[in-house]
């Protein structure tokens, strides 16, 4: 069982970087909501999460790296934690390797075998 919020994130990132769709989806609760980085839809069913991650994990040269110093975890209630920070997605589009910095937040229940209850990730907007 994943008993620390940081461990959930590390596992999630390792599944992204290894292309392990089943391991990745197993981290999400059956009722989880994902507000994804690269879609304008709210994803609230296992089927929609699978469809999104299958497309994303199919990208050429996909990798994800955490900006370690941005990671913030907060206990909220018993086993409920929030986790947020910034990570950088990289993948090829038309043969060119591109980077997309994104901010993320998770709501986790680390007492559950599928601890991700909610996950929001969005590209960092340009400053005004």
N, C-alpha and C. Protein backbone atom coordinates (compact mmCIF):
# COMPACT_ATOMS: atom_id res chain seq x y z
N UNK A 1 0.85 -1.18 0.00
CA UNK A 1 0.00 0.00 0.00
C UNK A 1 0.89 1.25 0.00
N UNK A 2 0.41 2.30 -0.63
CA UNK A 2 1.13 3.56 -0.71
C UNK A 2 0.72 4.42 0.48
N UNK A 3 1.63 4.61 1.43
CA UNK A 3 1.25 5.25 2.69
C UNK A 3 1.66 6.71 2.79
N UNK A 4 2.34 7.25 1.78
CA UNK A 4 2.73 8.65 1.80
C UNK A 4 2.29 9.31 0.49
N UNK A 5 1.82 10.55 0.54
CA UNK A 5 1.40 11.24 -0.69
C UNK A 5 2.52 11.30 -1.74
N UNK A 6 3.74 11.54 -1.28
CA UNK A 6 4.86 11.62 -2.22
C UNK A 6 5.09 10.29 -2.93
N UNK A 7 4.84 9.19 -2.25
CA UNK A 7 5.01 7.87 -2.85
C UNK A 7 3.97 7.65 -3.95
N UNK A 8 2.76 8.13 -3.73
CA UNK A 8 1.72 8.03 -4.77
C UNK A 8 2.18 8.78 -6.02
N UNK A 9 2.68 9.99 -5.84
CA UNK A 9 3.15 10.78 -6.99
C UNK A 9 4.32 10.09 -7.70
N UNK A 10 5.28 9.58 -6.93
CA UNK A 10 6.42 8.89 -7.54
C UNK A 10 5.95 7.69 -8.36
N UNK A 11 5.01 6.93 -7.81
CA UNK A 11 4.49 5.76 -8.52
C UNK A 11 3.76 6.20 -9.78
N UNK A 12 2.92 7.24 -9.66
CA UNK A 12 2.17 7.76 -10.81
C UNK A 12 3.14 8.17 -11.92
N UNK A 13 4.18 8.91 -11.56
CA UNK A 13 5.15 9.36 -12.57
C UNK A 13 5.90 8.18 -13.18
N UNK A 14 6.23 7.17 -12.39
CA UNK A 14 6.94 6.01 -12.94
C UNK A 14 6.05 5.26 -13.93
N UNK A 15 4.73 5.19 -13.65
CA UNK A 15 3.83 4.55 -14.60
C UNK A 15 3.72 5.36 -15.90
N UNK A 16 3.70 6.69 -15.79
CA UNK A 16 3.70 7.53 -17.00
C UNK A 16 4.97 7.27 -17.80
N UNK A 17 6.12 7.35 -17.14
CA UNK A 17 7.40 7.22 -17.85
C UNK A 17 7.66 5.82 -18.40
N UNK A 18 7.04 4.81 -17.81
CA UNK A 18 7.21 3.44 -18.33
C UNK A 18 6.10 3.03 -19.29
N UNK A 19 5.06 3.88 -19.40
CA UNK A 19 3.93 3.56 -20.29
C UNK A 19 3.00 2.50 -19.73
N UNK A 20 2.97 2.33 -18.42
CA UNK A 20 2.15 1.30 -17.79
C UNK A 20 0.74 1.81 -17.52
N UNK A 21 -0.13 1.68 -18.50
CA UNK A 21 -1.50 2.21 -18.40
C UNK A 21 -2.29 1.54 -17.28
N UNK A 22 -2.16 0.23 -17.13
CA UNK A 22 -2.93 -0.47 -16.09
C UNK A 22 -2.47 -0.08 -14.69
N UNK A 23 -1.17 0.03 -14.49
CA UNK A 23 -0.66 0.49 -13.20
C UNK A 23 -1.12 1.90 -12.90
N UNK A 24 -1.07 2.75 -13.90
CA UNK A 24 -1.49 4.14 -13.75
C UNK A 24 -2.96 4.23 -13.36
N UNK A 25 -3.81 3.55 -14.10
CA UNK A 25 -5.25 3.62 -13.82
C UNK A 25 -5.62 3.00 -12.48
N UNK A 26 -4.83 2.04 -12.02
CA UNK A 26 -5.10 1.42 -10.72
C UNK A 26 -4.91 2.39 -9.56
N UNK A 27 -4.21 3.48 -9.79
CA UNK A 27 -4.03 4.49 -8.74
C UNK A 27 -5.26 5.37 -8.56
N UNK A 28 -6.15 5.39 -9.54
CA UNK A 28 -7.33 6.24 -9.50
C UNK A 28 -8.52 5.49 -8.90
N UNK A 29 -9.18 6.13 -7.96
CA UNK A 29 -10.43 5.60 -7.39
C UNK A 29 -11.46 5.44 -8.51
N UNK A 30 -12.39 4.51 -8.35
CA UNK A 30 -13.46 4.32 -9.34
C UNK A 30 -14.27 5.59 -9.56
N UNK A 31 -14.34 6.45 -8.55
CA UNK A 31 -15.11 7.70 -8.64
C UNK A 31 -14.22 8.92 -8.84
N UNK A 32 -12.98 8.70 -9.21
CA UNK A 32 -12.04 9.82 -9.36
C UNK A 32 -12.47 10.76 -10.48
N UNK A 33 -12.05 12.01 -10.32
CA UNK A 33 -12.24 13.03 -11.34
C UNK A 33 -10.86 13.52 -11.76
N UNK A 34 -10.64 13.55 -13.07
CA UNK A 34 -9.39 14.07 -13.63
C UNK A 34 -9.73 15.29 -14.49
N UNK A 35 -9.07 16.39 -14.18
CA UNK A 35 -9.10 17.58 -15.04
C UNK A 35 -7.74 17.58 -15.72
N UNK A 36 -7.66 17.07 -16.95
CA UNK A 36 -6.37 16.74 -17.55
C UNK A 36 -5.63 17.93 -18.17
N UNK A 37 -4.34 17.74 -18.31
CA UNK A 37 -3.45 18.74 -18.89
C UNK A 37 -3.76 19.02 -20.35
N UNK A 38 -4.02 17.98 -21.11
CA UNK A 38 -4.10 18.11 -22.56
C UNK A 38 -5.50 17.83 -23.10
N UNK A 39 -6.51 18.20 -22.37
CA UNK A 39 -7.90 18.04 -22.81
C UNK A 39 -8.74 19.12 -22.14
N UNK A 40 -9.81 19.51 -22.80
CA UNK A 40 -10.71 20.50 -22.22
C UNK A 40 -11.93 19.84 -21.57
N UNK A 41 -11.90 18.53 -21.40
CA UNK A 41 -13.01 17.79 -20.80
C UNK A 41 -12.70 17.41 -19.36
N UNK A 42 -13.74 17.27 -18.57
CA UNK A 42 -13.61 16.70 -17.23
C UNK A 42 -13.83 15.20 -17.37
N UNK A 43 -12.93 14.42 -16.83
CA UNK A 43 -13.00 12.97 -16.98
C UNK A 43 -13.39 12.36 -15.64
N UNK A 44 -14.54 11.68 -15.63
CA UNK A 44 -15.08 11.20 -14.36
C UNK A 44 -15.50 9.73 -14.37
N UNK A 45 -15.02 8.98 -15.35
CA UNK A 45 -15.27 7.55 -15.37
C UNK A 45 -13.97 6.82 -15.70
N UNK A 46 -13.83 5.58 -15.26
CA UNK A 46 -12.63 4.83 -15.61
C UNK A 46 -12.42 4.73 -17.13
N UNK A 47 -13.49 4.61 -17.89
CA UNK A 47 -13.36 4.51 -19.35
C UNK A 47 -12.79 5.80 -19.94
N UNK A 48 -13.24 6.94 -19.46
CA UNK A 48 -12.74 8.22 -19.97
C UNK A 48 -11.27 8.43 -19.57
N UNK A 49 -10.91 8.03 -18.36
CA UNK A 49 -9.51 8.13 -17.96
C UNK A 49 -8.64 7.23 -18.83
N UNK A 50 -9.10 6.02 -19.09
CA UNK A 50 -8.33 5.10 -19.94
C UNK A 50 -8.14 5.68 -21.34
N UNK A 51 -9.20 6.20 -21.91
CA UNK A 51 -9.11 6.78 -23.26
C UNK A 51 -8.09 7.92 -23.30
N UNK A 52 -8.15 8.80 -22.32
CA UNK A 52 -7.22 9.94 -22.27
C UNK A 52 -5.77 9.45 -22.14
N UNK A 53 -5.51 8.57 -21.17
CA UNK A 53 -4.13 8.13 -20.94
C UNK A 53 -3.61 7.25 -22.07
N UNK A 54 -4.47 6.50 -22.73
CA UNK A 54 -3.99 5.73 -23.89
C UNK A 54 -3.49 6.66 -24.99
N UNK A 55 -4.22 7.74 -25.22
CA UNK A 55 -3.76 8.73 -26.22
C UNK A 55 -2.46 9.38 -25.78
N UNK A 56 -2.41 9.81 -24.52
CA UNK A 56 -1.23 10.50 -24.03
C UNK A 56 0.00 9.58 -24.01
N UNK A 57 -0.16 8.37 -23.50
CA UNK A 57 0.98 7.45 -23.42
C UNK A 57 1.44 6.96 -24.79
N UNK A 58 0.62 7.18 -25.81
CA UNK A 58 0.99 6.82 -27.17
C UNK A 58 1.88 7.84 -27.85
N UNK A 59 2.15 8.96 -27.18
CA UNK A 59 3.00 10.02 -27.75
C UNK A 59 4.44 9.55 -27.87
N UNK A 60 5.10 9.94 -28.95
CA UNK A 60 6.51 9.61 -29.15
C UNK A 60 7.38 10.35 -28.14
N UNK A 61 8.37 9.65 -27.61
CA UNK A 61 9.37 10.23 -26.70
C UNK A 61 8.77 10.86 -25.45
N UNK A 62 7.69 10.29 -24.95
CA UNK A 62 7.02 10.84 -23.78
C UNK A 62 7.86 10.67 -22.52
N UNK A 63 7.97 11.74 -21.74
CA UNK A 63 8.59 11.67 -20.42
C UNK A 63 7.99 12.76 -19.54
N UNK A 64 8.14 12.56 -18.26
CA UNK A 64 7.60 13.49 -17.27
C UNK A 64 8.62 13.63 -16.15
N UNK A 65 8.90 14.88 -15.76
CA UNK A 65 9.85 15.14 -14.67
C UNK A 65 9.25 16.14 -13.70
N UNK A 66 9.48 15.91 -12.44
CA UNK A 66 8.98 16.77 -11.38
C UNK A 66 9.98 17.88 -11.09
N UNK A 67 9.49 19.10 -10.88
CA UNK A 67 10.32 20.17 -10.33
C UNK A 67 10.27 20.00 -8.81
N UNK A 68 11.27 19.30 -8.27
CA UNK A 68 11.27 18.84 -6.88
C UNK A 68 10.96 19.93 -5.86
N UNK A 69 11.51 21.11 -6.06
CA UNK A 69 11.37 22.17 -5.06
C UNK A 69 9.97 22.77 -5.03
N UNK A 70 9.11 22.40 -5.98
CA UNK A 70 7.75 22.96 -6.00
C UNK A 70 6.75 22.09 -5.25
N UNK A 71 7.14 20.91 -4.84
CA UNK A 71 6.20 19.95 -4.26
C UNK A 71 5.73 20.40 -2.87
N UNK A 72 4.40 20.47 -2.71
CA UNK A 72 3.79 20.84 -1.44
C UNK A 72 2.77 19.77 -1.08
N UNK A 73 2.88 19.22 0.12
CA UNK A 73 1.88 18.27 0.61
C UNK A 73 1.27 18.83 1.89
N UNK A 74 -0.02 18.57 2.04
CA UNK A 74 -0.74 19.02 3.23
C UNK A 74 -1.69 17.93 3.70
N UNK A 75 -1.58 17.54 4.97
CA UNK A 75 -2.60 16.64 5.51
C UNK A 75 -3.88 17.45 5.72
N UNK A 76 -5.02 16.86 5.34
CA UNK A 76 -6.29 17.56 5.47
C UNK A 76 -7.17 16.97 6.55
N UNK A 77 -7.22 15.63 6.57
CA UNK A 77 -8.05 14.95 7.58
C UNK A 77 -7.66 13.49 7.58
N UNK A 78 -7.26 12.96 8.70
CA UNK A 78 -6.85 11.56 8.85
C UNK A 78 -5.99 11.13 7.66
N UNK A 79 -6.52 10.35 6.72
CA UNK A 79 -5.74 9.83 5.60
C UNK A 79 -5.86 10.66 4.32
N UNK A 80 -6.56 11.78 4.40
CA UNK A 80 -6.78 12.63 3.23
C UNK A 80 -5.67 13.68 3.16
N UNK A 81 -5.05 13.78 1.97
CA UNK A 81 -3.95 14.72 1.76
C UNK A 81 -4.14 15.46 0.44
N UNK A 82 -3.63 16.67 0.40
CA UNK A 82 -3.50 17.37 -0.88
C UNK A 82 -2.02 17.35 -1.25
N UNK A 83 -1.78 17.34 -2.52
CA UNK A 83 -0.42 17.29 -3.05
C UNK A 83 -0.42 18.17 -4.28
N UNK A 84 0.50 19.12 -4.37
CA UNK A 84 0.55 19.97 -5.55
C UNK A 84 1.99 20.35 -5.87
N UNK A 85 2.17 20.82 -7.09
CA UNK A 85 3.49 21.22 -7.54
C UNK A 85 3.50 21.49 -9.03
N UNK A 86 4.70 21.40 -9.59
CA UNK A 86 4.89 21.65 -11.03
C UNK A 86 5.72 20.50 -11.60
N UNK A 87 5.26 20.00 -12.75
CA UNK A 87 6.05 19.01 -13.47
C UNK A 87 6.16 19.43 -14.93
N UNK A 88 7.04 18.77 -15.65
CA UNK A 88 7.28 19.11 -17.06
C UNK A 88 7.07 17.88 -17.93
N UNK A 89 6.10 17.98 -18.82
CA UNK A 89 5.84 16.93 -19.81
C UNK A 89 6.74 17.19 -21.01
N UNK A 90 7.25 16.12 -21.62
CA UNK A 90 8.01 16.21 -22.87
C UNK A 90 7.52 15.10 -23.78
N UNK A 91 7.26 15.49 -25.02
CA UNK A 91 6.96 14.49 -26.05
C UNK A 91 7.14 15.14 -27.42
N UNK A 92 7.23 14.28 -28.44
CA UNK A 92 7.46 14.75 -29.79
C UNK A 92 6.14 15.01 -30.50
N UNK A 93 6.13 16.11 -31.23
CA UNK A 93 5.02 16.43 -32.13
C UNK A 93 5.65 16.72 -33.48
N UNK A 94 5.24 15.95 -34.49
CA UNK A 94 5.82 16.08 -35.84
C UNK A 94 7.34 16.02 -35.81
N UNK A 95 7.89 15.12 -34.98
CA UNK A 95 9.33 14.90 -34.92
C UNK A 95 10.09 15.90 -34.08
N UNK A 96 9.42 16.88 -33.52
CA UNK A 96 10.09 17.88 -32.68
C UNK A 96 9.75 17.64 -31.22
N UNK A 97 10.79 17.53 -30.38
CA UNK A 97 10.58 17.30 -28.95
C UNK A 97 10.19 18.62 -28.28
N UNK A 98 9.00 18.64 -27.67
CA UNK A 98 8.48 19.84 -27.04
C UNK A 98 8.30 19.62 -25.55
N UNK A 99 8.36 20.70 -24.78
CA UNK A 99 8.18 20.66 -23.33
C UNK A 99 6.96 21.47 -22.95
N UNK A 100 6.22 20.95 -21.96
CA UNK A 100 5.01 21.61 -21.48
C UNK A 100 5.05 21.60 -19.96
N UNK A 101 5.33 22.75 -19.36
CA UNK A 101 5.28 22.81 -17.90
C UNK A 101 3.83 22.90 -17.46
N UNK A 102 3.52 22.18 -16.40
CA UNK A 102 2.14 22.14 -15.90
C UNK A 102 2.15 22.15 -14.39
N UNK A 103 1.15 22.79 -13.84
CA UNK A 103 0.93 22.73 -12.40
C UNK A 103 -0.07 21.60 -12.14
N UNK A 104 0.03 20.98 -10.98
CA UNK A 104 -0.86 19.86 -10.69
C UNK A 104 -1.32 19.92 -9.25
N UNK A 105 -2.45 19.31 -8.99
CA UNK A 105 -2.92 19.10 -7.63
C UNK A 105 -3.66 17.77 -7.58
N UNK A 106 -3.49 17.10 -6.47
CA UNK A 106 -4.16 15.83 -6.20
C UNK A 106 -4.88 15.92 -4.87
N UNK A 107 -5.98 15.21 -4.77
CA UNK A 107 -6.62 14.92 -3.49
C UNK A 107 -6.49 13.41 -3.33
N UNK A 108 -5.85 12.98 -2.25
CA UNK A 108 -5.53 11.57 -2.06
C UNK A 108 -6.10 11.06 -0.75
N UNK A 109 -6.54 9.80 -0.78
CA UNK A 109 -6.87 9.08 0.44
C UNK A 109 -5.90 7.91 0.50
N UNK A 110 -4.83 8.09 1.28
CA UNK A 110 -3.77 7.09 1.29
C UNK A 110 -4.15 5.80 2.02
N UNK A 111 -5.34 5.75 2.59
CA UNK A 111 -5.83 4.50 3.20
C UNK A 111 -6.41 3.57 2.15
N UNK A 112 -6.66 4.08 0.94
CA UNK A 112 -7.27 3.28 -0.12
C UNK A 112 -6.22 2.67 -1.04
N UNK A 113 -6.48 1.49 -1.61
CA UNK A 113 -5.54 0.91 -2.57
C UNK A 113 -5.46 1.72 -3.86
N UNK A 114 -6.52 2.46 -4.19
CA UNK A 114 -6.54 3.38 -5.34
C UNK A 114 -6.72 4.79 -4.76
N UNK A 115 -5.62 5.44 -4.38
CA UNK A 115 -5.71 6.63 -3.54
C UNK A 115 -6.09 7.95 -4.23
N UNK A 116 -6.03 8.02 -5.55
CA UNK A 116 -6.30 9.30 -6.21
C UNK A 116 -7.80 9.52 -6.33
N UNK A 117 -8.29 10.53 -5.61
CA UNK A 117 -9.70 10.88 -5.64
C UNK A 117 -9.97 11.97 -6.66
N UNK A 118 -9.04 12.91 -6.76
CA UNK A 118 -9.17 14.01 -7.71
C UNK A 118 -7.77 14.41 -8.15
N UNK A 119 -7.66 14.76 -9.44
CA UNK A 119 -6.38 15.16 -10.01
C UNK A 119 -6.64 16.26 -11.02
N UNK A 120 -5.99 17.39 -10.82
CA UNK A 120 -6.08 18.51 -11.75
C UNK A 120 -4.68 18.82 -12.25
N UNK A 121 -4.55 19.01 -13.55
CA UNK A 121 -3.26 19.37 -14.14
C UNK A 121 -3.54 20.31 -15.30
N UNK A 122 -2.84 21.43 -15.30
CA UNK A 122 -3.05 22.39 -16.39
C UNK A 122 -1.71 23.04 -16.76
N UNK A 123 -1.57 23.32 -18.05
CA UNK A 123 -0.37 23.99 -18.51
C UNK A 123 -0.26 25.35 -17.83
N UNK A 124 0.95 25.73 -17.52
CA UNK A 124 1.18 27.02 -16.87
C UNK A 124 0.94 28.13 -17.90
N UNK A 125 0.02 29.05 -17.59
CA UNK A 125 -0.28 30.12 -18.56
C UNK A 125 0.85 31.15 -18.60
N UNK A 126 0.84 31.89 -19.66
CA UNK A 126 1.80 33.00 -19.78
C UNK A 126 1.41 34.09 -18.82
N UNK A 127 2.39 34.77 -18.31
CA UNK A 127 2.15 35.87 -17.39
C UNK A 127 1.65 37.09 -18.16
N UNK A 128 0.80 37.86 -17.52
CA UNK A 128 0.31 39.11 -18.12
C UNK A 128 1.34 40.20 -18.01
